[in-house]
Structure formats: C-alpha cells, structure tokens
C-alpha cells in the first residue's frame, strides 16, 4: 500500500491588532490645513496583522486623502501600551475597538503646526 502525501496545513490567519500611531504631516496642495499651518500631527488607531502593515496601510490611506505623511511613530498595541504603564481612557479604547471591528484607520486627534506665535 502506498502512503499518501499529506497536504501542508494552511497556516492560521494572523489576528488583526490595533496600533497607536503618531503621524507627522508636511504640506500638500489638498491637505485641508489652515493657510498658516506648516504641517500637522495626527494621532491614529490603525489595524494590521503587525506594526509594519498598520503603518503601511495608514500611510496609503493618508496619501489617498491628499495629505503628505513625513514620519510615523508607533506606540504599539493596547497591551504593549498597558505594559509600558500608559493609562488608556475608555473613549480611546472605544476608538481602538472601532478600528479593529472596521479594519480601519481612525483619526483620533489632529493638531496643526504653525510658525506664527499667535496660533
């Protein structure tokens, strides 16, 4: 009797996680920032199977929206942030849950930068 070759098992799909990202934006023609802004910072919650995917997807979404991402800093997943001693308010947790449920990039906060001292 001949042994049948076994098919390799399909690898388990890696679960999505939500990463907290801080994105620095430069100026672009359609960015929607005030005329006197020199750029902006966005606090995002982005889903991905790993940090690299969350960053790539976030940058792609932002470019599609007409903004110019310059730099991305990741603060990790909820568990990583809790392990680092961060206090995460309920409203932030809800936005993270929404990003996970919708497999989305959620902008939690937008701050523009200006060289003008009166802003």
C-alpha atoms as a PDB file:
ATOM      1  CA  UNK A   1       0.000   0.000   0.000  1.00  0.00           C
ATOM      2  CA  UNK A   2       1.330   3.388  -0.922  1.00  0.00           C
ATOM      3  CA  UNK A   3       1.431   6.224   1.621  1.00  0.00           C
ATOM      4  CA  UNK A   4      -0.449   9.310   0.559  1.00  0.00           C
ATOM      5  CA  UNK A   5       1.399  12.575   0.613  1.00  0.00           C
ATOM      6  CA  UNK A   6      -0.004  14.902   3.200  1.00  0.00           C
ATOM      7  CA  UNK A   7      -1.013  18.350   2.178  1.00  0.00           C
ATOM      8  CA  UNK A   8       0.614  21.114   4.129  1.00  0.00           C
ATOM      9  CA  UNK A   9      -1.832  22.602   6.577  1.00  0.00           C
ATOM     10  CA  UNK A  10      -2.980  26.094   5.841  1.00  0.00           C
ATOM     11  CA  UNK A  11      -1.317  28.450   8.225  1.00  0.00           C
ATOM     12  CA  UNK A  12      -3.651  30.086  10.670  1.00  0.00           C
ATOM     13  CA  UNK A  13      -4.648  33.587   9.736  1.00  0.00           C
ATOM     14  CA  UNK A  14      -2.823  36.074  11.934  1.00  0.00           C
ATOM     15  CA  UNK A  15      -5.196  38.161  14.015  1.00  0.00           C
ATOM     16  CA  UNK A  16      -5.558  41.869  13.447  1.00  0.00           C
ATOM     17  CA  UNK A  17      -4.331  44.178  16.177  1.00  0.00           C
ATOM     18  CA  UNK A  18      -4.685  47.922  16.631  1.00  0.00           C
ATOM     19  CA  UNK A  19      -1.634  50.144  16.838  1.00  0.00           C
ATOM     20  CA  UNK A  20      -1.447  53.691  18.153  1.00  0.00           C
ATOM     21  CA  UNK A  21       0.428  55.805  15.618  1.00  0.00           C
ATOM     22  CA  UNK A  22       1.556  59.411  15.617  1.00  0.00           C
ATOM     23  CA  UNK A  23       1.966  60.733  12.066  1.00  0.00           C
ATOM     24  CA  UNK A  24       3.731  63.974  11.201  1.00  0.00           C
ATOM     25  CA  UNK A  25       2.402  65.631   8.059  1.00  0.00           C
ATOM     26  CA  UNK A  26       4.031  68.109   5.731  1.00  0.00           C
ATOM     27  CA  UNK A  27       2.075  70.431   3.470  1.00  0.00           C
ATOM     28  CA  UNK A  28       0.408  69.383   0.235  1.00  0.00           C
ATOM     29  CA  UNK A  29      -1.978  71.271  -2.060  1.00  0.00           C
ATOM     30  CA  UNK A  30      -5.161  69.453  -0.968  1.00  0.00           C
ATOM     31  CA  UNK A  31      -4.386  68.809   2.709  1.00  0.00           C
ATOM     32  CA  UNK A  32      -7.185  70.956   4.134  1.00  0.00           C
ATOM     33  CA  UNK A  33      -4.917  72.557   6.729  1.00  0.00           C
ATOM     34  CA  UNK A  34      -5.166  76.264   7.552  1.00  0.00           C
ATOM     35  CA  UNK A  35      -3.144  78.515   5.234  1.00  0.00           C
ATOM     36  CA  UNK A  36      -0.731  79.492   8.020  1.00  0.00           C
ATOM     37  CA  UNK A  37      -0.062  75.859   9.054  1.00  0.00           C
ATOM     38  CA  UNK A  38       3.392  74.465   8.399  1.00  0.00           C
ATOM     39  CA  UNK A  39       2.207  70.870   8.865  1.00  0.00           C
ATOM     40  CA  UNK A  40       0.243  68.742  11.286  1.00  0.00           C
ATOM     41  CA  UNK A  41       0.324  65.813  13.635  1.00  0.00           C
ATOM     42  CA  UNK A  42      -2.288  63.070  13.596  1.00  0.00           C
ATOM     43  CA  UNK A  43      -2.945  60.553  16.334  1.00  0.00           C
ATOM     44  CA  UNK A  44      -4.271  57.403  14.667  1.00  0.00           C
ATOM     45  CA  UNK A  45      -5.528  53.985  15.626  1.00  0.00           C
ATOM     46  CA  UNK A  46      -4.788  51.585  12.793  1.00  0.00           C
ATOM     47  CA  UNK A  47      -5.416  47.878  12.426  1.00  0.00           C
ATOM     48  CA  UNK A  48      -2.940  45.409  10.992  1.00  0.00           C
ATOM     49  CA  UNK A  49      -1.566  41.921  11.488  1.00  0.00           C
ATOM     50  CA  UNK A  50       1.659  43.590  12.571  1.00  0.00           C
ATOM     51  CA  UNK A  51       3.038  47.059  13.120  1.00  0.00           C
ATOM     52  CA  UNK A  52       4.538  47.311   9.634  1.00  0.00           C
ATOM     53  CA  UNK A  53       1.191  46.593   7.990  1.00  0.00           C
ATOM     54  CA  UNK A  54      -0.607  49.129  10.201  1.00  0.00           C
ATOM     55  CA  UNK A  55       1.948  51.782   9.240  1.00  0.00           C
ATOM     56  CA  UNK A  56       1.818  50.924   5.507  1.00  0.00           C
ATOM     57  CA  UNK A  57      -1.985  50.983   5.430  1.00  0.00           C
ATOM     58  CA  UNK A  58      -2.130  54.259   7.365  1.00  0.00           C
ATOM     59  CA  UNK A  59       0.328  55.976   5.037  1.00  0.00           C
ATOM     60  CA  UNK A  60      -1.594  54.698   1.999  1.00  0.00           C
ATOM     61  CA  UNK A  61      -4.914  55.988   3.372  1.00  0.00           C
ATOM     62  CA  UNK A  62      -3.410  59.369   4.230  1.00  0.00           C
ATOM     63  CA  UNK A  63      -1.851  59.767   0.785  1.00  0.00           C
ATOM     64  CA  UNK A  64      -5.209  58.912  -0.793  1.00  0.00           C
ATOM     65  CA  UNK A  65      -6.738  61.661   1.358  1.00  0.00           C
ATOM     66  CA  UNK A  66      -4.318  64.204  -0.130  1.00  0.00           C
ATOM     67  CA  UNK A  67      -2.008  64.685   2.833  1.00  0.00           C
ATOM     68  CA  UNK A  68       1.777  64.261   2.962  1.00  0.00           C
ATOM     69  CA  UNK A  69       2.953  61.875   5.709  1.00  0.00           C
ATOM     70  CA  UNK A  70       6.567  62.583   6.661  1.00  0.00           C
ATOM     71  CA  UNK A  71       7.171  60.418   9.718  1.00  0.00           C
ATOM     72  CA  UNK A  72       5.304  57.740  11.667  1.00  0.00           C
ATOM     73  CA  UNK A  73       5.971  56.824  15.290  1.00  0.00           C
ATOM     74  CA  UNK A  74       4.288  53.738  16.711  1.00  0.00           C
ATOM     75  CA  UNK A  75       3.382  53.463  20.374  1.00  0.00           C
ATOM     76  CA  UNK A  76       2.345  49.825  19.997  1.00  0.00           C
ATOM     77  CA  UNK A  77      -0.801  47.855  20.700  1.00  0.00           C
ATOM     78  CA  UNK A  78      -3.148  48.345  23.637  1.00  0.00           C
ATOM     79  CA  UNK A  79      -1.421  45.512  25.525  1.00  0.00           C
ATOM     80  CA  UNK A  80       2.017  46.971  24.819  1.00  0.00           C
ATOM     81  CA  UNK A  81       0.925  50.403  25.982  1.00  0.00           C
ATOM     82  CA  UNK A  82      -0.614  48.995  29.163  1.00  0.00           C
ATOM     83  CA  UNK A  83       2.577  47.018  29.843  1.00  0.00           C
ATOM     84  CA  UNK A  84       4.531  50.278  29.472  1.00  0.00           C
ATOM     85  CA  UNK A  85       2.360  51.855  32.164  1.00  0.00           C
ATOM     86  CA  UNK A  86       0.143  54.028  29.945  1.00  0.00           C
ATOM     87  CA  UNK A  87      -3.309  54.919  31.203  1.00  0.00           C
ATOM     88  CA  UNK A  88      -5.803  54.386  28.381  1.00  0.00           C
ATOM     89  CA  UNK A  89      -9.150  56.179  28.835  1.00  0.00           C
ATOM     90  CA  UNK A  90     -12.364  54.411  27.846  1.00  0.00           C
ATOM     91  CA  UNK A  91     -13.000  56.739  24.887  1.00  0.00           C
ATOM     92  CA  UNK A  92      -9.590  55.815  23.461  1.00  0.00           C
ATOM     93  CA  UNK A  93     -10.312  52.112  23.970  1.00  0.00           C
ATOM     94  CA  UNK A  94     -13.604  52.557  22.115  1.00  0.00           C
ATOM     95  CA  UNK A  95     -11.819  54.106  19.130  1.00  0.00           C
ATOM     96  CA  UNK A  96      -9.336  51.224  19.151  1.00  0.00           C
ATOM     97  CA  UNK A  97     -12.197  48.718  19.216  1.00  0.00           C
ATOM     98  CA  UNK A  98     -13.836  50.530  16.290  1.00  0.00           C
ATOM     99  CA  UNK A  99     -10.582  50.440  14.283  1.00  0.00           C
ATOM    100  CA  UNK A 100     -10.356  46.695  14.909  1.00  0.00           C
ATOM    101  CA  UNK A 101     -14.018  45.985  14.113  1.00  0.00           C
ATOM    102  CA  UNK A 102     -13.905  48.027  10.907  1.00  0.00           C
ATOM    103  CA  UNK A 103     -10.331  47.053   9.936  1.00  0.00           C
ATOM    104  CA  UNK A 104      -9.773  50.770   9.589  1.00  0.00           C
ATOM    105  CA  UNK A 105      -7.581  53.752  10.262  1.00  0.00           C
ATOM    106  CA  UNK A 106      -9.263  56.085  12.773  1.00  0.00           C
ATOM    107  CA  UNK A 107      -8.010  59.646  13.247  1.00  0.00           C
ATOM    108  CA  UNK A 108      -8.382  60.378  16.956  1.00  0.00           C
ATOM    109  CA  UNK A 109      -6.740  63.803  17.069  1.00  0.00           C
ATOM    110  CA  UNK A 110      -5.398  66.378  14.599  1.00  0.00           C
ATOM    111  CA  UNK A 111      -3.086  69.227  15.584  1.00  0.00           C
ATOM    112  CA  UNK A 112      -1.634  71.624  13.051  1.00  0.00           C
ATOM    113  CA  UNK A 113       1.719  73.307  13.401  1.00  0.00           C
ATOM    114  CA  UNK A 114       2.439  76.958  12.667  1.00  0.00           C
ATOM    115  CA  UNK A 115       5.454  79.209  12.778  1.00  0.00           C
ATOM    116  CA  UNK A 116       3.136  82.040  13.820  1.00  0.00           C
ATOM    117  CA  UNK A 117       3.349  82.663  17.596  1.00  0.00           C
ATOM    118  CA  UNK A 118      -0.255  83.899  17.749  1.00  0.00           C
ATOM    119  CA  UNK A 119      -1.670  80.442  16.836  1.00  0.00           C
END
